[in-house]
Amino acid sequence: MRGIWKLNLAAGIALFLAAAAASSAAVIVTVQSESLSQSSSVSSGFFDVYLSTTGTGNGNIQAWQTRVNIDPGSASGMTLGTPAVTDAAPSVRSMLLGTDTGFTTPLGGSVPNSATQVSAEQDIASSVALDGVTGAGLMRVPFTLAANAHGTYTLDLSTDSNTGTVLVNSTPAVIPFTAVNGTITVSVPEPASFGAGLLAIGLLSHRRRRAS
């Protein structure tokens, strides 16, 4: 009887630990954020949409689709380009989900790419285990900023179940995830002459106070 009790206790602890590990599991899809300085000429850059996980018990991924829109309340002057496969350049993304085989943009016929909306999808040849994935690139989106454009551009990750971001495992079943929107912030640099003028005014005031 005591042996059975010990076995039940051990089984209970194992189930508890497994449940705790599963509860800490999470899949996150993030749109990269950047801070830039305003340019007097047309400038360009890119942002990545990437996947990360925490904990264990996240299963695998077999296919995905994603869509990003510039929020209508954003500043003007940004134009999105055609998405491409995200490379694994150092300090950008740490890994890829399989190869670029099956990468398609835009996703479906009803979600065309435009100046303010882009999308892509991929069927992965062999499912990829999600535990330990940190910064796996889904798509890289180039953008162009008009001359003197500045302000905050909010990049919304669509979670629409049909035309938005969807992750699917090998079952196949939809994988729950947390969406993290991104922002491109373009600031206006302080003119050097303005700062020098303030310094000159300060020195002049100081001299006048000393003279009086």
Foldseek 3Di string as FASTA:
>chain_A
DVVVVVVVVVVVVVVVVVVVQVVFKAKEWEKAAAEAAAAQAKDKDKIFTWMAIDGDDQFWFFKKKAKKFWPPPWFDFKFKDAKDFDDCPPPHAPEAFADCPAKDWPPDPVQHDTRGMIMIMGGHPDIDGRPPHDGHTDIMMMMMGHRRTFGKTKMDIDPPPPRHIWTAGPVGDTRDHHYHIYMYGYHYDDDPVVVVVVVVVVVVVVVVVVVD
